[in-house]
Amino acid sequence: KIGNHISIMEGGCIVQTGRPEDIVLRPANAYVSE
């Protein structure tokens, strides 16, 4: 809702950064997809 860009983190690592719609439409890996 509020982010221009979102960075998804797992285990201390940034696994994907993008616009909200990029995250939803093109998840980088299984973790982001879940």
PDB file of all heavy atoms in Angstrom:
ATOM      1  N   LYS A   1       0.818  -1.215   0.000  1.00  0.00           N
ATOM      2  CA  LYS A   1       0.000   0.000   0.000  1.00  0.00           C
ATOM      3  C   LYS A   1       0.849   1.261   0.000  1.00  0.00           C
ATOM      4  O   LYS A   1       0.575   2.211  -0.740  1.00  0.00           O
ATOM      5  CB  LYS A   1      -0.918  -0.004   1.227  1.00  0.00           C
ATOM      6  CG  LYS A   1      -1.768   1.247   1.374  1.00  0.00           C
ATOM      7  CD  LYS A   1      -2.670   1.144   2.588  1.00  0.00           C
ATOM      8  CE  LYS A   1      -3.525   2.385   2.772  1.00  0.00           C
ATOM      9  NZ  LYS A   1      -4.437   2.260   3.946  1.00  0.00           N
ATOM     10  N   ILE A   2       1.901   1.288   0.811  1.00  0.00           N
ATOM     11  CA  ILE A   2       2.625   2.553   1.003  1.00  0.00           C
ATOM     12  C   ILE A   2       3.949   2.631   0.249  1.00  0.00           C
ATOM     13  O   ILE A   2       4.467   3.725   0.025  1.00  0.00           O
ATOM     14  CB  ILE A   2       2.886   2.839   2.491  1.00  0.00           C
ATOM     15  CG1 ILE A   2       3.929   1.869   3.050  1.00  0.00           C
ATOM     16  CG2 ILE A   2       1.607   2.780   3.305  1.00  0.00           C
ATOM     17  CD1 ILE A   2       4.386   2.233   4.437  1.00  0.00           C
ATOM     18  N   GLY A   3       4.511   1.488  -0.163  1.00  0.00           N
ATOM     19  CA  GLY A   3       5.866   1.501  -0.708  1.00  0.00           C
ATOM     20  C   GLY A   3       5.950   1.880  -2.176  1.00  0.00           C
ATOM     21  O   GLY A   3       5.176   1.383  -2.992  1.00  0.00           O
ATOM     22  N   ASN A   4       6.890   2.765  -2.512  1.00  0.00           N
ATOM     23  CA  ASN A   4       7.261   2.975  -3.910  1.00  0.00           C
ATOM     24  C   ASN A   4       8.091   1.802  -4.408  1.00  0.00           C
ATOM     25  O   ASN A   4       7.979   1.384  -5.560  1.00  0.00           O
ATOM     26  CB  ASN A   4       8.042   4.271  -4.077  1.00  0.00           C
ATOM     27  CG  ASN A   4       7.257   5.490  -3.661  1.00  0.00           C
ATOM     28  OD1 ASN A   4       7.576   6.130  -2.657  1.00  0.00           O
ATOM     29  ND2 ASN A   4       6.216   5.824  -4.399  1.00  0.00           N
ATOM     30  N   HIS A   5       8.970   1.316  -3.519  1.00  0.00           N
ATOM     31  CA  HIS A   5       9.746   0.113  -3.782  1.00  0.00           C
ATOM     32  C   HIS A   5       9.737  -0.749  -2.522  1.00  0.00           C
ATOM     33  O   HIS A   5       9.643  -0.233  -1.409  1.00  0.00           O
ATOM     34  CB  HIS A   5      11.188   0.440  -4.169  1.00  0.00           C
ATOM     35  CG  HIS A   5      11.327   1.028  -5.536  1.00  0.00           C
ATOM     36  ND1 HIS A   5      11.214   2.387  -5.779  1.00  0.00           N
ATOM     37  CD2 HIS A   5      11.541   0.441  -6.752  1.00  0.00           C
ATOM     38  CE1 HIS A   5      11.358   2.612  -7.075  1.00  0.00           C
ATOM     39  NE2 HIS A   5      11.551   1.460  -7.684  1.00  0.00           N
ATOM     40  N   ILE A   6       9.833  -2.048  -2.717  1.00  0.00           N
ATOM     41  CA  ILE A   6       9.835  -3.004  -1.617  1.00  0.00           C
ATOM     42  C   ILE A   6      11.057  -3.901  -1.757  1.00  0.00           C
ATOM     43  O   ILE A   6      11.372  -4.365  -2.856  1.00  0.00           O
ATOM     44  CB  ILE A   6       8.562  -3.868  -1.619  1.00  0.00           C
ATOM     45  CG1 ILE A   6       7.319  -2.990  -1.445  1.00  0.00           C
ATOM     46  CG2 ILE A   6       8.621  -4.932  -0.518  1.00  0.00           C
ATOM     47  CD1 ILE A   6       6.016  -3.750  -1.633  1.00  0.00           C
ATOM     48  N   SER A   7      11.737  -4.125  -0.640  1.00  0.00           N
ATOM     49  CA  SER A   7      12.845  -5.079  -0.601  1.00  0.00           C
ATOM     50  C   SER A   7      12.459  -6.219   0.335  1.00  0.00           C
ATOM     51  O   SER A   7      12.196  -5.989   1.515  1.00  0.00           O
ATOM     52  CB  SER A   7      14.132  -4.409  -0.110  1.00  0.00           C
ATOM     53  OG  SER A   7      14.545  -3.404  -1.006  1.00  0.00           O
ATOM     54  N   ILE A   8      12.403  -7.429  -0.208  1.00  0.00           N
ATOM     55  CA  ILE A   8      12.068  -8.617   0.583  1.00  0.00           C
ATOM     56  C   ILE A   8      13.356  -9.200   1.146  1.00  0.00           C
ATOM     57  O   ILE A   8      14.316  -9.435   0.406  1.00  0.00           O
ATOM     58  CB  ILE A   8      11.356  -9.683  -0.271  1.00  0.00           C
ATOM     59  CG1 ILE A   8      10.132  -9.092  -0.983  1.00  0.00           C
ATOM     60  CG2 ILE A   8      10.972 -10.878   0.593  1.00  0.00           C
ATOM     61  CD1 ILE A   8       8.974  -8.805  -0.098  1.00  0.00           C
ATOM     62  N   MET A   9      13.378  -9.440   2.480  1.00  0.00           N
ATOM     63  CA  MET A   9      14.569  -9.967   3.130  1.00  0.00           C
ATOM     64  C   MET A   9      14.305 -11.353   3.707  1.00  0.00           C
ATOM     65  O   MET A   9      13.210 -11.654   4.168  1.00  0.00           O
ATOM     66  CB  MET A   9      15.045  -9.014   4.238  1.00  0.00           C
ATOM     67  CG  MET A   9      15.462  -7.649   3.739  1.00  0.00           C
ATOM     68  SD  MET A   9      16.300  -6.645   4.990  1.00  0.00           S
ATOM     69  CE  MET A   9      17.855  -7.561   5.191  1.00  0.00           C
ATOM     70  N   GLU A  10      15.346 -12.178   3.657  1.00  0.00           N
ATOM     71  CA  GLU A  10      15.294 -13.514   4.246  1.00  0.00           C
ATOM     72  C   GLU A  10      16.672 -13.859   4.778  1.00  0.00           C
ATOM     73  O   GLU A  10      17.667 -13.751   4.056  1.00  0.00           O
ATOM     74  CB  GLU A  10      14.875 -14.555   3.211  1.00  0.00           C
ATOM     75  CG  GLU A  10      14.822 -15.977   3.778  1.00  0.00           C
ATOM     76  CD  GLU A  10      14.646 -17.037   2.712  1.00  0.00           C
ATOM     77  OE1 GLU A  10      14.940 -16.752   1.528  1.00  0.00           O
ATOM     78  OE2 GLU A  10      14.230 -18.154   3.067  1.00  0.00           O
ATOM     79  N   GLY A  11      16.752 -14.225   6.041  1.00  0.00           N
ATOM     80  CA  GLY A  11      18.026 -14.639   6.623  1.00  0.00           C
ATOM     81  C   GLY A  11      19.106 -13.595   6.550  1.00  0.00           C
ATOM     82  O   GLY A  11      20.295 -13.923   6.428  1.00  0.00           O
ATOM     83  N   GLY A  12      18.736 -12.319   6.615  1.00  0.00           N
ATOM     84  CA  GLY A  12      19.706 -11.234   6.561  1.00  0.00           C
ATOM     85  C   GLY A  12      20.034 -10.753   5.161  1.00  0.00           C
ATOM     86  O   GLY A  12      20.750  -9.770   4.994  1.00  0.00           O
ATOM     87  N   CYS A  13      19.507 -11.428   4.153  1.00  0.00           N
ATOM     88  CA  CYS A  13      19.805 -11.080   2.756  1.00  0.00           C
ATOM     89  C   CYS A  13      18.601 -10.426   2.086  1.00  0.00           C
ATOM     90  O   CYS A  13      17.452 -10.781   2.367  1.00  0.00           O
ATOM     91  CB  CYS A  13      20.183 -12.328   1.963  1.00  0.00           C
ATOM     92  SG  CYS A  13      21.620 -13.201   2.597  1.00  0.00           S
ATOM     93  N   ILE A  14      18.857  -9.473   1.195  1.00  0.00           N
ATOM     94  CA  ILE A  14      17.815  -8.923   0.339  1.00  0.00           C
ATOM     95  C   ILE A  14      17.669  -9.856  -0.853  1.00  0.00           C
ATOM     96  O   ILE A  14      18.588 -10.010  -1.653  1.00  0.00           O
ATOM     97  CB  ILE A  14      18.163  -7.499  -0.134  1.00  0.00           C
ATOM     98  CG1 ILE A  14      18.253  -6.538   1.064  1.00  0.00           C
ATOM     99  CG2 ILE A  14      17.126  -6.998  -1.136  1.00  0.00           C
ATOM    100  CD1 ILE A  14      18.701  -5.137   0.694  1.00  0.00           C
ATOM    101  N   VAL A  15      16.506 -10.497  -0.973  1.00  0.00           N
ATOM    102  CA  VAL A  15      16.321 -11.488  -2.039  1.00  0.00           C
ATOM    103  C   VAL A  15      15.623 -10.909  -3.263  1.00  0.00           C
ATOM    104  O   VAL A  15      15.714 -11.473  -4.354  1.00  0.00           O
ATOM    105  CB  VAL A  15      15.559 -12.728  -1.531  1.00  0.00           C
ATOM    106  CG1 VAL A  15      16.375 -13.444  -0.469  1.00  0.00           C
ATOM    107  CG2 VAL A  15      14.197 -12.354  -0.976  1.00  0.00           C
ATOM    108  N   GLN A  16      14.914  -9.789  -3.098  1.00  0.00           N
ATOM    109  CA  GLN A  16      14.297  -9.129  -4.252  1.00  0.00           C
ATOM    110  C   GLN A  16      13.941  -7.701  -3.892  1.00  0.00           C
ATOM    111  O   GLN A  16      13.455  -7.420  -2.795  1.00  0.00           O
ATOM    112  CB  GLN A  16      13.035  -9.859  -4.722  1.00  0.00           C
ATOM    113  CG  GLN A  16      12.421  -9.251  -5.995  1.00  0.00           C
ATOM    114  CD  GLN A  16      11.265 -10.064  -6.544  1.00  0.00           C
ATOM    115  OE1 GLN A  16      10.891 -11.088  -5.986  1.00  0.00           O
ATOM    116  NE2 GLN A  16      10.690  -9.608  -7.659  1.00  0.00           N
ATOM    117  N   THR A  17      14.194  -6.793  -4.817  1.00  0.00           N
ATOM    118  CA  THR A  17      13.782  -5.393  -4.690  1.00  0.00           C
ATOM    119  C   THR A  17      13.047  -4.996  -5.962  1.00  0.00           C
ATOM    120  O   THR A  17      13.477  -5.330  -7.064  1.00  0.00           O
ATOM    121  CB  THR A  17      14.996  -4.460  -4.491  1.00  0.00           C
ATOM    122  OG1 THR A  17      15.634  -4.767  -3.255  1.00  0.00           O
ATOM    123  CG2 THR A  17      14.567  -2.998  -4.467  1.00  0.00           C
ATOM    124  N   GLY A  18      11.929  -4.293  -5.801  1.00  0.00           N
ATOM    125  CA  GLY A  18      11.194  -3.844  -6.974  1.00  0.00           C
ATOM    126  C   GLY A  18       9.975  -3.043  -6.582  1.00  0.00           C
ATOM    127  O   GLY A  18       9.690  -2.845  -5.395  1.00  0.00           O
ATOM    128  N   ARG A  19       9.255  -2.558  -7.575  1.00  0.00           N
ATOM    129  CA  ARG A  19       7.983  -1.892  -7.324  1.00  0.00           C
ATOM    130  C   ARG A  19       6.977  -2.927  -6.830  1.00  0.00           C
ATOM    131  O   ARG A  19       7.143  -4.120  -7.083  1.00  0.00           O
ATOM    132  CB  ARG A  19       7.489  -1.229  -8.604  1.00  0.00           C
ATOM    133  CG  ARG A  19       8.376  -0.100  -9.108  1.00  0.00           C
ATOM    134  CD  ARG A  19       7.929   0.382 -10.472  1.00  0.00           C
ATOM    135  NE  ARG A  19       7.944  -0.697 -11.454  1.00  0.00           N
ATOM    136  CZ  ARG A  19       7.526  -0.584 -12.702  1.00  0.00           C
ATOM    137  NH1 ARG A  19       7.029   0.573 -13.127  1.00  0.00           N
ATOM    138  NH2 ARG A  19       7.581  -1.614 -13.533  1.00  0.00           N
ATOM    139  N   PRO A  20       5.943  -2.496  -6.121  1.00  0.00           N
ATOM    140  CA  PRO A  20       4.969  -3.466  -5.607  1.00  0.00           C
ATOM    141  C   PRO A  20       4.443  -4.417  -6.669  1.00  0.00           C
ATOM    142  O   PRO A  20       4.360  -5.636  -6.444  1.00  0.00           O
ATOM    143  CB  PRO A  20       3.859  -2.560  -5.048  1.00  0.00           C
ATOM    144  CG  PRO A  20       4.562  -1.315  -4.633  1.00  0.00           C
ATOM    145  CD  PRO A  20       5.644  -1.117  -5.656  1.00  0.00           C
ATOM    146  N   GLU A  21       4.106  -3.879  -7.847  1.00  0.00           N
ATOM    147  CA  GLU A  21       3.553  -4.750  -8.889  1.00  0.00           C
ATOM    148  C   GLU A  21       4.598  -5.725  -9.427  1.00  0.00           C
ATOM    149  O   GLU A  21       4.269  -6.840  -9.846  1.00  0.00           O
ATOM    150  CB  GLU A  21       2.957  -3.919 -10.032  1.00  0.00           C
ATOM    151  CG  GLU A  21       3.916  -2.974 -10.730  1.00  0.00           C
ATOM    152  CD  GLU A  21       3.917  -1.578 -10.131  1.00  0.00           C
ATOM    153  OE1 GLU A  21       3.674  -1.451  -8.910  1.00  0.00           O
ATOM    154  OE2 GLU A  21       4.183  -0.613 -10.880  1.00  0.00           O
ATOM    155  N   ASP A  22       5.892  -5.315  -9.419  1.00  0.00           N
ATOM    156  CA  ASP A  22       6.951  -6.229  -9.859  1.00  0.00           C
ATOM    157  C   ASP A  22       7.073  -7.415  -8.908  1.00  0.00           C
ATOM    158  O   ASP A  22       7.270  -8.558  -9.337  1.00  0.00           O
ATOM    159  CB  ASP A  22       8.295  -5.495  -9.930  1.00  0.00           C
ATOM    160  CG  ASP A  22       8.322  -4.427 -11.005  1.00  0.00           C
ATOM    161  OD1 ASP A  22       7.603  -4.582 -12.004  1.00  0.00           O
ATOM    162  OD2 ASP A  22       9.053  -3.427 -10.838  1.00  0.00           O
ATOM    163  N   ILE A  23       6.983  -7.113  -7.609  1.00  0.00           N
ATOM    164  CA  ILE A  23       7.078  -8.176  -6.605  1.00  0.00           C
ATOM    165  C   ILE A  23       5.942  -9.176  -6.790  1.00  0.00           C
ATOM    166  O   ILE A  23       6.139 -10.396  -6.743  1.00  0.00           O
ATOM    167  CB  ILE A  23       7.025  -7.579  -5.183  1.00  0.00           C
ATOM    168  CG1 ILE A  23       8.187  -6.597  -4.946  1.00  0.00           C
ATOM    169  CG2 ILE A  23       7.027  -8.684  -4.135  1.00  0.00           C
ATOM    170  CD1 ILE A  23       9.547  -7.214  -4.866  1.00  0.00           C
ATOM    171  N   VAL A  24       4.740  -8.670  -7.024  1.00  0.00           N
ATOM    172  CA  VAL A  24       3.563  -9.538  -7.140  1.00  0.00           C
ATOM    173  C   VAL A  24       3.557 -10.309  -8.463  1.00  0.00           C
ATOM    174  O   VAL A  24       3.251 -11.504  -8.497  1.00  0.00           O
ATOM    175  CB  VAL A  24       2.271  -8.707  -7.001  1.00  0.00           C
ATOM    176  CG1 VAL A  24       1.042  -9.548  -7.314  1.00  0.00           C
ATOM    177  CG2 VAL A  24       2.167  -8.136  -5.591  1.00  0.00           C
ATOM    178  N   LEU A  25       3.912  -9.638  -9.550  1.00  0.00           N
ATOM    179  CA  LEU A  25       3.837 -10.275 -10.868  1.00  0.00           C
ATOM    180  C   LEU A  25       5.051 -11.140 -11.187  1.00  0.00           C
ATOM    181  O   LEU A  25       4.937 -12.134 -11.896  1.00  0.00           O
ATOM    182  CB  LEU A  25       3.693  -9.199 -11.952  1.00  0.00           C
ATOM    183  CG  LEU A  25       2.366  -8.442 -11.996  1.00  0.00           C
ATOM    184  CD1 LEU A  25       2.425  -7.334 -13.029  1.00  0.00           C
ATOM    185  CD2 LEU A  25       1.214  -9.392 -12.307  1.00  0.00           C
ATOM    186  N   ARG A  26       6.221 -10.755 -10.656  1.00  0.00           N
ATOM    187  CA  ARG A  26       7.452 -11.468 -11.005  1.00  0.00           C
ATOM    188  C   ARG A  26       8.278 -11.789  -9.761  1.00  0.00           C
ATOM    189  O   ARG A  26       9.382 -11.251  -9.580  1.00  0.00           O
ATOM    190  CB  ARG A  26       8.269 -10.623 -11.991  1.00  0.00           C
ATOM    191  CG  ARG A  26       7.632 -10.503 -13.367  1.00  0.00           C
ATOM    192  CD  ARG A  26       8.385  -9.551 -14.268  1.00  0.00           C
ATOM    193  NE  ARG A  26       8.138  -8.166 -13.874  1.00  0.00           N
ATOM    194  CZ  ARG A  26       7.082  -7.456 -14.249  1.00  0.00           C
ATOM    195  NH1 ARG A  26       6.156  -8.001 -15.016  1.00  0.00           N
ATOM    196  NH2 ARG A  26       6.939  -6.199 -13.862  1.00  0.00           N
ATOM    197  N   PRO A  27       7.778 -12.657  -8.871  1.00  0.00           N
ATOM    198  CA  PRO A  27       8.560 -13.029  -7.680  1.00  0.00           C
ATOM    199  C   PRO A  27       9.871 -13.689  -8.077  1.00  0.00           C
ATOM    200  O   PRO A  27       9.911 -14.497  -9.014  1.00  0.00           O
ATOM    201  CB  PRO A  27       7.626 -13.987  -6.944  1.00  0.00           C
ATOM    202  CG  PRO A  27       6.667 -14.487  -7.979  1.00  0.00           C
ATOM    203  CD  PRO A  27       6.484 -13.365  -8.950  1.00  0.00           C
ATOM    204  N   ALA A  28      10.940 -13.345  -7.358  1.00  0.00           N
ATOM    205  CA  ALA A  28      12.278 -13.789  -7.756  1.00  0.00           C
ATOM    206  C   ALA A  28      12.547 -15.248  -7.429  1.00  0.00           C
ATOM    207  O   ALA A  28      13.342 -15.905  -8.106  1.00  0.00           O
ATOM    208  CB  ALA A  28      13.335 -12.907  -7.082  1.00  0.00           C
ATOM    209  N   ASN A  29      11.918 -15.774  -6.384  1.00  0.00           N
ATOM    210  CA  ASN A  29      12.172 -17.161  -6.005  1.00  0.00           C
ATOM    211  C   ASN A  29      10.965 -17.724  -5.256  1.00  0.00           C
ATOM    212  O   ASN A  29       9.941 -17.050  -5.088  1.00  0.00           O
ATOM    213  CB  ASN A  29      13.449 -17.275  -5.162  1.00  0.00           C
ATOM    214  CG  ASN A  29      13.400 -16.424  -3.901  1.00  0.00           C
ATOM    215  OD1 ASN A  29      12.324 -16.072  -3.410  1.00  0.00           O
ATOM    216  ND2 ASN A  29      14.572 -16.097  -3.371  1.00  0.00           N
ATOM    217  N   ALA A  30      11.100 -18.960  -4.808  1.00  0.00           N
ATOM    218  CA  ALA A  30       9.984 -19.645  -4.140  1.00  0.00           C
ATOM    219  C   ALA A  30       9.599 -18.947  -2.836  1.00  0.00           C
ATOM    220  O   ALA A  30       8.420 -18.912  -2.471  1.00  0.00           O
ATOM    221  CB  ALA A  30      10.364 -21.098  -3.873  1.00  0.00           C
ATOM    222  N   TYR A  31      10.596 -18.393  -2.133  1.00  0.00           N
ATOM    223  CA  TYR A  31      10.315 -17.696  -0.868  1.00  0.00           C
ATOM    224  C   TYR A  31       9.400 -16.498  -1.104  1.00  0.00           C
ATOM    225  O   TYR A  31       8.408 -16.311  -0.405  1.00  0.00           O
ATOM    226  CB  TYR A  31      11.636 -17.242  -0.239  1.00  0.00           C
ATOM    227  CG  TYR A  31      11.476 -16.387   0.998  1.00  0.00           C
ATOM    228  CD1 TYR A  31      11.143 -16.954   2.221  1.00  0.00           C
ATOM    229  CD2 TYR A  31      11.674 -15.009   0.942  1.00  0.00           C
ATOM    230  CE1 TYR A  31      11.005 -16.172   3.362  1.00  0.00           C
ATOM    231  CE2 TYR A  31      11.547 -14.221   2.077  1.00  0.00           C
ATOM    232  CZ  TYR A  31      11.208 -14.807   3.283  1.00  0.00           C
ATOM    233  OH  TYR A  31      11.069 -14.027   4.405  1.00  0.00           O
ATOM    234  N   VAL A  32       9.725 -15.691  -2.115  1.00  0.00           N
ATOM    235  CA  VAL A  32       8.897 -14.522  -2.422  1.00  0.00           C
ATOM    236  C   VAL A  32       7.526 -14.960  -2.928  1.00  0.00           C
ATOM    237  O   VAL A  32       6.504 -14.370  -2.570  1.00  0.00           O
ATOM    238  CB  VAL A  32       9.595 -13.605  -3.451  1.00  0.00           C
ATOM    239  CG1 VAL A  32       8.726 -12.397  -3.773  1.00  0.00           C
ATOM    240  CG2 VAL A  32      10.960 -13.150  -2.944  1.00  0.00           C
ATOM    241  N   SER A  33       7.499 -16.002  -3.748  1.00  0.00           N
ATOM    242  CA  SER A  33       6.219 -16.514  -4.248  1.00  0.00           C
ATOM    243  C   SER A  33       5.303 -16.919  -3.105  1.00  0.00           C
ATOM    244  O   SER A  33       4.102 -16.623  -3.116  1.00  0.00           O
ATOM    245  CB  SER A  33       6.454 -17.720  -5.167  1.00  0.00           C
ATOM    246  OG  SER A  33       7.132 -17.347  -6.338  1.00  0.00           O
ATOM    247  N   GLU A  34       5.867 -17.600  -2.122  1.00  0.00           N
ATOM    248  CA  GLU A  34       5.071 -18.009  -0.962  1.00  0.00           C
ATOM    249  C   GLU A  34       4.618 -16.800  -0.159  1.00  0.00           C
ATOM    250  O   GLU A  34       3.505 -16.754   0.358  1.00  0.00           O
ATOM    251  CB  GLU A  34       5.897 -18.951  -0.081  1.00  0.00           C
ATOM    252  CG  GLU A  34       5.119 -19.542   1.081  1.00  0.00           C
ATOM    253  CD  GLU A  34       5.934 -20.532   1.881  1.00  0.00           C
ATOM    254  OE1 GLU A  34       7.055 -20.883   1.452  1.00  0.00           O
ATOM    255  OE2 GLU A  34       5.451 -20.971   2.950  1.00  0.00           O
TER     256      GLU A  34
END
